[in-house]
Amino acid sequence: MPVRSTTLDNGMTVITHSMPSLESASVGVWAKAGSRCETEQEHGISHLLEHMAFKGTETRSSRQIAEEIETVGGDVNAATSVENTGYFSRILKEDVGLAADILSDILQNSLFSAEELQREKHVIVQEIGASHDAPDDYVYDLFQGAAYQDQPIGRSILGTVESVESFTPEAIRAYMERTYVGDSMVMAAAGNVNHDQLVDIAAKKFDGLKATGAPDPVEANYVGGDIRLQRDHEQAHVLIGVEGRAYHSDGFYASQILASILGGGMSSRLFQEVREKRGLCYSIYSFHWAFADSGIFGVSAATGDDDLAELIPVVLDELKNATLNITEDEVVRVRNQIRAGLLMSLERPSSRAGQLARQQLLWGRPIPLEETVERINNIDAGRVMEVAEQLFNGAKPVVAGIGPMSNLAEYDRIESQLKF
């Protein structure tokens, strides 16, 4: 069995996918502690913690952390999302123990010194400013905030200048103690890695980890709404969406297929109709974001103000058409794309390790590829159209835009066009 899983006494799960033909491995630790786990006063603390974890421990300075892993030709990084945070390293097979040691060190023995914290706050404040200066990025924060108004899941991962400036070392420690507990954490590795050895390392390095006690995140409540920032840009960046499906919903895979059919590539319906046939924008695509208990289906486009008036009705017409005339050929094409993507991800240890960790955090077990492919293959055109009808017809939309907004249709008009 190339994939093995062991749950330690402290509740942490260790999962490995052995690829003995490789000379390298990717190993990481993921915690079920993303931005939606934050209180209002902690907005942005998950992301700040991700930064601060590398700023020095009881036995290593921030420079030593970087030098130790880079001396053996590896690298170490981290990423924060809405529902989890991951810390991961790519190394040669003989250095898996070193990577696991560094990861355990930064997650249990970080100092969070006031001096380092002040410096990193400044870095993140600059990151927030850069994000707000990039309308193609910032519009997504507005979009999610309008979809889930006044909820942790709707707040930006970066936080605000005010919230970031308010954090203290004590606040970071309190957040970490509350959320980084054994049964909410996974050590995952893929590549040339020995499962039993990694289990032994994890058991020793995380022996002091509290086993349980992380609170459940606030339940998501999709609201929908409208937010527009009038700015003097050449392009209008617009997102239109509806409530999607959660990972655990039986409509999840059909929603993923629908998103690809509508706007998943150059052969997609939106690309062909909006760009190739009408020339209304340079790029357009659709997406489906799934969370543990909710989701958003959206369409993203950027175009000049003059073309907005024509573009939006065309997009909404394509959503309606998706409830009526999806073909089996389209579904088969997308199923093949998804299958290819899954198989390709198996060839990249870093992608595979992250995939295993997220599956464990979401479903409580790694999902075999064959099981995923079977679920996808069971979806036909009729099921996709059924889900499209459920998603789009009579939906409460979410609309977000940045740039010249004078020709973007009023919210009520967009909502009325979603009543077929």
Protein backbone atom coordinates (compact mmCIF):
# COMPACT_ATOMS: atom_id res chain seq x y z
CA MET A 1 0.00 0.00 0.00
CA PRO A 2 1.71 3.26 -1.08
CA VAL A 3 -0.58 5.37 1.18
CA ARG A 4 -0.43 4.67 4.91
CA SER A 5 -2.05 6.45 7.84
CA THR A 6 -1.40 6.31 11.58
CA THR A 7 -3.07 8.25 14.38
CA LEU A 8 -0.76 9.07 17.28
CA ASP A 9 -1.73 9.04 20.96
CA ASN A 10 -1.92 12.84 20.86
CA GLY A 11 -4.58 12.72 18.11
CA MET A 12 -2.31 13.86 15.26
CA THR A 13 -2.54 11.82 12.06
CA VAL A 14 0.57 10.91 10.08
CA ILE A 15 -0.06 10.07 6.41
CA THR A 16 2.51 9.10 3.81
CA HIS A 17 2.49 8.25 0.13
CA SER A 18 5.60 6.27 -0.69
CA MET A 19 7.24 6.97 -4.06
CA PRO A 20 10.47 4.95 -3.76
CA SER A 21 11.66 5.79 -7.27
CA LEU A 22 12.17 9.45 -6.31
CA GLU A 23 15.23 10.98 -4.68
CA SER A 24 13.22 13.66 -2.87
CA ALA A 25 10.24 14.05 -0.57
CA SER A 26 7.84 16.69 0.60
CA VAL A 27 6.80 16.76 4.24
CA GLY A 28 4.52 19.18 6.03
CA VAL A 29 2.20 19.81 8.92
CA TRP A 30 -1.31 21.15 8.34
CA ALA A 31 -3.58 22.53 11.04
CA LYS A 32 -7.34 22.95 10.79
CA ALA A 33 -6.86 26.57 11.75
CA GLY A 34 -7.55 29.08 8.99
CA SER A 35 -9.04 32.55 8.91
CA ARG A 36 -12.57 31.33 9.64
CA CYS A 37 -11.37 30.07 13.05
CA GLU A 38 -10.59 33.61 14.21
CA THR A 39 -12.67 35.78 16.50
CA GLU A 40 -13.38 39.33 15.37
CA GLN A 41 -10.48 40.58 17.48
CA GLU A 42 -8.17 37.96 15.90
CA HIS A 43 -8.84 38.93 12.28
CA GLY A 44 -5.62 38.11 10.40
CA ILE A 45 -3.88 36.27 13.24
CA SER A 46 -3.72 32.92 11.38
CA HIS A 47 -1.70 34.54 8.61
CA LEU A 48 0.48 36.45 11.06
CA LEU A 49 1.21 33.22 12.93
CA GLU A 50 2.27 31.60 9.65
CA HIS A 51 4.85 34.38 9.28
CA MET A 52 5.96 34.41 12.92
CA ALA A 53 6.54 30.65 13.07
CA PHE A 54 9.77 31.15 11.10
CA LYS A 55 11.10 34.03 13.23
CA GLY A 56 12.99 32.03 15.82
CA THR A 57 12.57 29.24 18.35
CA GLU A 58 14.23 28.37 21.66
CA THR A 59 17.12 26.72 19.82
CA ARG A 60 17.13 28.29 16.34
CA SER A 61 17.19 31.87 15.11
CA SER A 62 15.21 32.80 12.01
CA ARG A 63 18.46 32.73 10.05
CA GLN A 64 19.38 29.30 11.36
CA ILE A 65 15.97 27.93 10.33
CA ALA A 66 16.57 29.11 6.77
CA GLU A 67 20.23 28.08 6.65
CA GLU A 68 19.70 24.55 7.99
CA ILE A 69 17.16 23.64 5.35
CA GLU A 70 18.90 25.47 2.50
CA THR A 71 22.30 23.95 3.36
CA VAL A 72 20.93 20.55 2.33
CA GLY A 73 19.33 21.99 -0.81
CA GLY A 74 15.79 22.07 0.52
CA ASP A 75 13.25 24.80 1.09
CA VAL A 76 10.55 25.51 3.64
CA ASN A 77 7.41 27.59 3.31
CA ALA A 78 3.86 28.00 4.59
CA ALA A 79 0.41 29.11 3.44
CA THR A 80 -2.81 30.19 5.13
CA SER A 81 -6.27 29.57 3.71
CA VAL A 82 -9.82 30.05 4.94
CA GLU A 83 -9.96 26.65 6.63
CA ASN A 84 -6.38 25.54 7.30
CA THR A 85 -2.74 26.54 7.50
CA GLY A 86 0.11 24.43 6.18
CA TYR A 87 3.86 24.44 6.87
CA PHE A 88 5.87 22.34 4.44
CA SER A 89 9.33 21.52 3.17
CA ARG A 90 10.84 19.93 0.07
CA ILE A 91 14.03 18.00 0.71
CA LEU A 92 16.13 15.07 -0.46
CA LYS A 93 15.09 11.68 0.93
CA GLU A 94 17.91 11.57 3.48
CA ASP A 95 16.84 14.89 5.01
CA VAL A 96 13.22 14.06 5.88
CA GLY A 97 14.17 13.85 9.56
CA LEU A 98 15.71 17.32 9.49
CA ALA A 99 12.62 18.82 7.84
CA ALA A 100 10.30 17.16 10.36
CA ASP A 101 12.47 18.40 13.22
CA ILE A 102 12.38 22.00 11.95
CA LEU A 103 8.62 21.89 11.39
CA SER A 104 7.98 20.52 14.87
CA ASP A 105 10.32 23.12 16.35
CA ILE A 106 8.62 26.13 14.76
CA LEU A 107 5.16 24.82 15.69
CA GLN A 108 5.95 24.14 19.34
CA ASN A 109 8.87 26.28 20.40
CA SER A 110 8.53 29.58 18.54
CA LEU A 111 9.42 32.56 20.71
CA PHE A 112 7.14 35.19 19.12
CA SER A 113 9.44 37.92 20.36
CA ALA A 114 8.03 41.44 20.52
CA GLU A 115 10.87 42.77 18.36
CA GLU A 116 10.32 40.21 15.58
CA LEU A 117 6.58 40.68 15.85
CA GLN A 118 6.82 44.42 15.28
CA ARG A 119 8.93 43.88 12.18
CA GLU A 120 6.56 41.27 10.76
CA LYS A 121 3.53 43.43 11.44
CA HIS A 122 5.10 46.07 9.22
CA VAL A 123 5.69 43.48 6.48
CA ILE A 124 2.07 42.35 6.58
CA VAL A 125 0.77 45.93 6.59
CA GLN A 126 2.73 46.41 3.37
CA GLU A 127 1.21 43.18 2.03
CA ILE A 128 -2.28 44.47 2.80
CA GLY A 129 -1.49 47.73 1.00
CA ALA A 130 -0.18 45.86 -2.03
CA SER A 131 -3.32 43.74 -2.13
CA HIS A 132 -5.56 46.81 -2.07
CA ASP A 133 -3.52 48.29 -4.90
CA ALA A 134 -4.19 45.21 -7.08
CA PRO A 135 -7.86 45.31 -8.09
CA ASP A 136 -7.75 41.85 -9.66
CA ASP A 137 -6.83 40.49 -6.20
CA TYR A 138 -8.75 42.83 -3.94
CA VAL A 139 -12.06 42.22 -5.71
CA TYR A 140 -12.01 38.64 -4.41
CA ASP A 141 -11.83 39.85 -0.82
CA LEU A 142 -14.80 42.12 -1.49
CA PHE A 143 -16.63 39.25 -3.16
CA GLN A 144 -16.24 36.84 -0.25
CA GLY A 145 -17.05 39.57 2.26
CA ALA A 146 -20.32 40.32 0.46
CA ALA A 147 -21.21 36.64 0.20
CA TYR A 148 -20.65 36.00 3.93
CA GLN A 149 -21.30 39.34 5.53
CA ASP A 150 -20.17 39.90 9.15
CA GLN A 151 -18.82 36.36 9.51
CA PRO A 152 -15.31 34.96 10.01
CA ILE A 153 -15.51 33.05 6.70
CA GLY A 154 -16.17 36.33 4.88
CA ARG A 155 -13.20 38.23 6.28
CA SER A 156 -9.93 38.55 4.37
CA ILE A 157 -7.09 36.23 5.30
CA LEU A 158 -4.62 39.11 5.65
CA GLY A 159 -6.63 41.03 8.24
CA THR A 160 -6.76 44.81 8.44
CA VAL A 161 -4.06 47.29 9.31
CA GLU A 162 -5.81 47.95 12.62
CA SER A 163 -6.22 44.29 13.57
CA VAL A 164 -2.67 43.34 12.63
CA GLU A 165 -1.21 46.27 14.56
CA SER A 166 -3.15 45.20 17.66
CA PHE A 167 -1.68 41.70 18.00
CA THR A 168 0.65 40.82 20.88
CA PRO A 169 2.83 37.74 21.47
CA GLU A 170 0.33 36.64 24.11
CA ALA A 171 -2.54 36.84 21.63
CA ILE A 172 -0.66 34.64 19.14
CA ARG A 173 0.14 32.06 21.82
CA ALA A 174 -3.47 31.99 22.99
CA TYR A 175 -4.76 31.48 19.45
CA MET A 176 -2.25 28.73 18.78
CA GLU A 177 -2.99 26.94 22.05
CA ARG A 178 -6.71 26.99 21.24
CA THR A 179 -6.54 25.82 17.63
CA TYR A 180 -3.31 23.84 17.11
CA VAL A 181 -4.32 20.61 18.83
CA GLY A 182 -3.60 17.01 17.90
CA ASP A 183 -6.88 15.88 16.37
CA SER A 184 -6.93 19.04 14.23
CA MET A 185 -3.44 18.49 12.81
CA VAL A 186 -1.91 16.25 10.15
CA MET A 187 1.68 15.50 9.25
CA ALA A 188 1.71 14.42 5.62
CA ALA A 189 4.59 13.38 3.38
CA ALA A 190 4.96 12.12 -0.16
CA GLY A 191 7.97 10.96 -2.10
CA ASN A 192 10.82 8.73 -0.96
CA VAL A 193 9.75 8.54 2.66
CA ASN A 194 9.51 5.75 5.22
CA HIS A 195 6.15 5.78 7.02
CA ASP A 196 7.26 4.08 10.23
CA GLN A 197 10.26 6.37 10.60
CA LEU A 198 8.08 9.45 10.14
CA VAL A 199 5.58 8.16 12.70
CA ASP A 200 8.41 7.72 15.21
CA ILE A 201 9.69 11.23 14.51
CA ALA A 202 6.23 12.78 14.86
CA ALA A 203 5.50 10.89 18.08
CA LYS A 204 8.73 12.15 19.65
CA LYS A 205 8.68 15.69 18.33
CA PHE A 206 5.00 16.37 19.08
CA ASP A 207 4.80 14.46 22.36
CA GLY A 208 3.67 17.56 24.25
CA LEU A 209 0.83 18.43 21.90
CA LYS A 210 -2.62 18.79 23.45
CA ALA A 211 -4.85 16.10 21.94
CA THR A 212 -8.25 17.76 21.64
CA GLY A 213 -10.20 20.92 22.39
CA ALA A 214 -10.19 23.10 19.27
CA PRO A 215 -13.60 24.78 18.96
CA ASP A 216 -15.69 24.31 15.84
CA PRO A 217 -15.65 27.32 13.51
CA VAL A 218 -18.70 29.54 13.26
CA GLU A 219 -21.18 27.97 10.86
CA ALA A 220 -21.15 29.64 7.44
CA ASN A 221 -24.28 31.50 6.34
CA TYR A 222 -24.29 32.60 2.71
CA VAL A 223 -26.05 35.98 2.46
CA GLY A 224 -25.21 37.43 -0.94
CA GLY A 225 -25.07 41.12 -1.66
CA ASP A 226 -23.49 43.88 -3.66
CA ILE A 227 -20.29 45.90 -3.26
CA ARG A 228 -18.72 48.23 -5.84
CA LEU A 229 -15.68 50.45 -5.58
CA GLN A 230 -15.65 53.20 -8.19
CA ARG A 231 -12.02 53.71 -9.17
CA ASP A 232 -10.24 55.36 -12.05
CA HIS A 233 -8.89 52.19 -13.68
CA GLU A 234 -8.76 51.20 -17.32
CA GLN A 235 -10.51 47.92 -16.54
CA ALA A 236 -13.57 47.03 -14.50
CA HIS A 237 -12.94 43.89 -12.45
CA VAL A 238 -16.24 42.17 -11.78
CA LEU A 239 -17.30 39.02 -9.97
CA ILE A 240 -20.82 37.61 -10.03
CA GLY A 241 -21.67 34.56 -7.98
CA VAL A 242 -24.27 32.47 -6.20
CA GLU A 243 -24.21 30.06 -3.29
CA GLY A 244 -22.31 26.91 -4.23
CA ARG A 245 -21.97 23.49 -2.63
CA ALA A 246 -19.93 22.34 0.34
CA TYR A 247 -17.29 19.63 0.11
CA HIS A 248 -19.64 17.26 1.89
CA SER A 249 -22.60 18.00 -0.39
CA ASP A 250 -23.71 15.48 -2.97
CA GLY A 251 -23.63 18.34 -5.48
CA PHE A 252 -19.95 19.11 -4.98
CA TYR A 253 -18.47 17.18 -7.91
CA ALA A 254 -21.27 18.24 -10.28
CA SER A 255 -20.60 21.88 -9.33
CA GLN A 256 -16.90 21.43 -10.08
CA ILE A 257 -17.72 19.97 -13.49
CA LEU A 258 -20.21 22.76 -14.18
CA ALA A 259 -17.60 25.41 -13.38
CA SER A 260 -15.19 23.88 -15.88
CA ILE A 261 -17.82 23.59 -18.60
CA LEU A 262 -18.81 27.21 -18.19
CA GLY A 263 -15.42 28.81 -17.77
CA GLY A 264 -12.60 26.37 -17.19
CA GLY A 265 -10.47 26.94 -20.26
CA MET A 266 -10.31 28.13 -23.86
CA SER A 267 -12.94 25.62 -24.98
CA SER A 268 -15.37 26.63 -22.23
CA ARG A 269 -18.71 28.22 -22.98
CA LEU A 270 -17.96 31.62 -21.48
CA PHE A 271 -14.57 31.92 -23.17
CA GLN A 272 -15.99 31.00 -26.54
CA GLU A 273 -19.10 33.18 -26.30
CA VAL A 274 -17.74 36.22 -24.48
CA ARG A 275 -14.20 36.49 -25.81
CA GLU A 276 -13.97 34.53 -29.05
CA LYS A 277 -17.37 35.34 -30.51
CA ARG A 278 -18.07 38.81 -29.07
CA GLY A 279 -14.63 40.14 -28.05
CA LEU A 280 -16.02 41.65 -24.86
CA CYS A 281 -13.01 40.92 -22.61
CA TYR A 282 -9.54 39.44 -22.60
CA SER A 283 -10.12 36.83 -19.91
CA ILE A 284 -13.15 35.29 -18.31
CA TYR A 285 -13.54 32.18 -16.21
CA SER A 286 -15.80 30.55 -13.67
CA PHE A 287 -14.92 28.82 -10.42
CA HIS A 288 -16.46 26.87 -7.58
CA TRP A 289 -15.04 27.41 -4.10
CA ALA A 290 -16.09 24.71 -1.66
CA PHE A 291 -15.81 24.94 2.11
CA ALA A 292 -16.65 22.36 4.76
CA ASP A 293 -20.21 23.65 5.12
CA SER A 294 -20.85 26.05 2.22
CA GLY A 295 -19.54 27.19 -1.14
CA ILE A 296 -19.57 29.88 -3.82
CA PHE A 297 -20.00 29.50 -7.56
CA GLY A 298 -18.64 32.55 -9.36
CA VAL A 299 -17.74 34.12 -12.70
CA SER A 300 -14.83 36.53 -12.99
CA ALA A 301 -14.24 38.99 -15.83
CA ALA A 302 -12.32 42.17 -16.49
CA THR A 303 -13.30 44.55 -19.25
CA GLY A 304 -13.64 48.19 -20.16
CA ASP A 305 -16.56 50.18 -18.81
CA ASP A 306 -18.16 50.49 -22.24
CA ASP A 307 -18.42 46.70 -22.62
CA LEU A 308 -19.88 46.01 -19.16
CA ALA A 309 -23.43 46.72 -20.25
CA GLU A 310 -23.27 43.95 -22.88
CA LEU A 311 -21.03 41.52 -21.02
CA ILE A 312 -23.14 40.91 -17.91
CA PRO A 313 -26.36 39.89 -19.73
CA VAL A 314 -24.34 37.52 -21.90
CA VAL A 315 -22.82 35.91 -18.81
CA LEU A 316 -26.22 35.52 -17.18
CA ASP A 317 -27.63 34.00 -20.37
CA GLU A 318 -24.87 31.41 -20.31
CA LEU A 319 -25.77 30.51 -16.72
CA LYS A 320 -29.37 29.99 -17.85
CA ASN A 321 -28.28 27.92 -20.86
CA ALA A 322 -26.34 25.64 -18.52
CA THR A 323 -29.64 24.57 -16.94
CA LEU A 324 -30.99 23.52 -20.35
CA ASN A 325 -28.43 22.14 -22.76
CA ILE A 326 -25.30 20.66 -21.20
CA THR A 327 -24.10 17.84 -23.45
CA GLU A 328 -22.55 14.49 -22.58
CA ASP A 329 -19.52 15.40 -24.70
CA GLU A 330 -18.88 18.43 -22.50
CA VAL A 331 -19.16 16.39 -19.33
CA VAL A 332 -16.83 13.68 -20.65
CA ARG A 333 -14.26 16.30 -21.67
CA VAL A 334 -14.25 17.87 -18.21
CA ARG A 335 -14.22 14.51 -16.45
CA ASN A 336 -11.09 13.66 -18.43
CA GLN A 337 -9.53 17.01 -17.49
CA ILE A 338 -10.20 16.41 -13.80
CA ARG A 339 -8.88 12.86 -13.97
CA ALA A 340 -5.73 14.06 -15.73
CA GLY A 341 -5.23 16.74 -13.11
CA LEU A 342 -5.59 14.21 -10.30
CA LEU A 343 -3.11 11.83 -11.91
CA MET A 344 -0.62 14.62 -12.58
CA SER A 345 -0.85 15.75 -8.96
CA LEU A 346 0.23 12.26 -7.89
CA GLU A 347 3.53 12.84 -9.69
CA ARG A 348 4.38 15.93 -7.58
CA PRO A 349 5.24 15.09 -3.96
CA SER A 350 4.42 18.58 -2.70
CA SER A 351 0.97 18.54 -4.30
CA ARG A 352 0.30 15.02 -3.11
CA ALA A 353 1.27 15.72 0.50
CA GLY A 354 -1.02 18.76 0.63
CA GLN A 355 -3.84 16.79 -0.99
CA LEU A 356 -3.58 14.00 1.59
CA ALA A 357 -3.52 16.46 4.49
CA ARG A 358 -6.57 18.38 3.31
CA GLN A 359 -8.50 15.17 2.68
CA GLN A 360 -7.78 14.04 6.22
CA LEU A 361 -8.86 17.36 7.69
CA LEU A 362 -12.06 17.47 5.61
CA TRP A 363 -13.17 13.85 5.42
CA GLY A 364 -11.24 12.20 8.23
CA ARG A 365 -9.32 9.93 5.86
CA PRO A 366 -7.26 10.02 2.66
CA ILE A 367 -9.53 9.46 -0.34
CA PRO A 368 -8.30 6.83 -2.83
CA LEU A 369 -7.98 8.10 -6.39
CA GLU A 370 -10.24 5.32 -7.63
CA GLU A 371 -13.02 6.48 -5.32
CA THR A 372 -12.78 10.07 -6.53
CA VAL A 373 -12.73 9.02 -10.19
CA GLU A 374 -15.76 6.78 -9.65
CA ARG A 375 -17.74 9.66 -8.09
CA ILE A 376 -16.84 11.93 -10.99
CA ASN A 377 -17.64 9.29 -13.62
CA ASN A 378 -21.08 8.78 -12.10
CA ILE A 379 -22.05 12.35 -13.01
CA ASP A 380 -23.78 12.79 -16.36
CA ALA A 381 -25.17 15.78 -18.23
CA GLY A 382 -28.57 15.45 -16.60
CA ARG A 383 -27.06 15.72 -13.13
CA VAL A 384 -24.99 18.76 -14.11
CA MET A 385 -28.07 20.54 -15.48
CA GLU A 386 -30.01 19.63 -12.35
CA VAL A 387 -27.35 21.19 -10.13
CA ALA A 388 -27.12 24.24 -12.42
CA GLU A 389 -30.87 24.73 -11.98
CA GLN A 390 -30.50 24.49 -8.21
CA LEU A 391 -27.59 26.93 -8.13
CA PHE A 392 -28.73 29.61 -10.57
CA ASN A 393 -32.51 29.75 -10.86
CA GLY A 394 -33.91 32.20 -8.32
CA ALA A 395 -30.53 32.59 -6.64
CA LYS A 396 -29.54 35.45 -4.36
CA PRO A 397 -26.45 36.71 -6.19
CA VAL A 398 -23.27 38.23 -4.85
CA VAL A 399 -21.76 41.02 -6.98
CA ALA A 400 -18.39 42.69 -6.46
CA GLY A 401 -16.64 45.20 -8.69
CA ILE A 402 -13.65 47.54 -8.72
CA GLY A 403 -12.96 50.17 -11.38
CA PRO A 404 -15.31 52.09 -13.67
CA MET A 405 -18.74 50.88 -12.58
CA SER A 406 -21.18 53.16 -14.41
CA ASN A 407 -22.29 50.46 -16.86
CA LEU A 408 -22.51 47.57 -14.41
CA ALA A 409 -26.18 46.62 -14.13
CA GLU A 410 -28.00 47.36 -10.89
CA TYR A 411 -28.11 44.53 -8.38
CA ASP A 412 -31.90 44.09 -8.66
CA ARG A 413 -31.62 43.69 -12.41
CA ILE A 414 -28.94 41.02 -12.09
CA GLU A 415 -31.04 39.23 -9.50
CA SER A 416 -34.12 39.36 -11.77
CA GLN A 417 -32.15 37.81 -14.67
CA LEU A 418 -31.43 34.83 -12.45
CA LYS A 419 -35.12 33.96 -12.39
CA PHE A 420 -35.71 31.68 -15.31
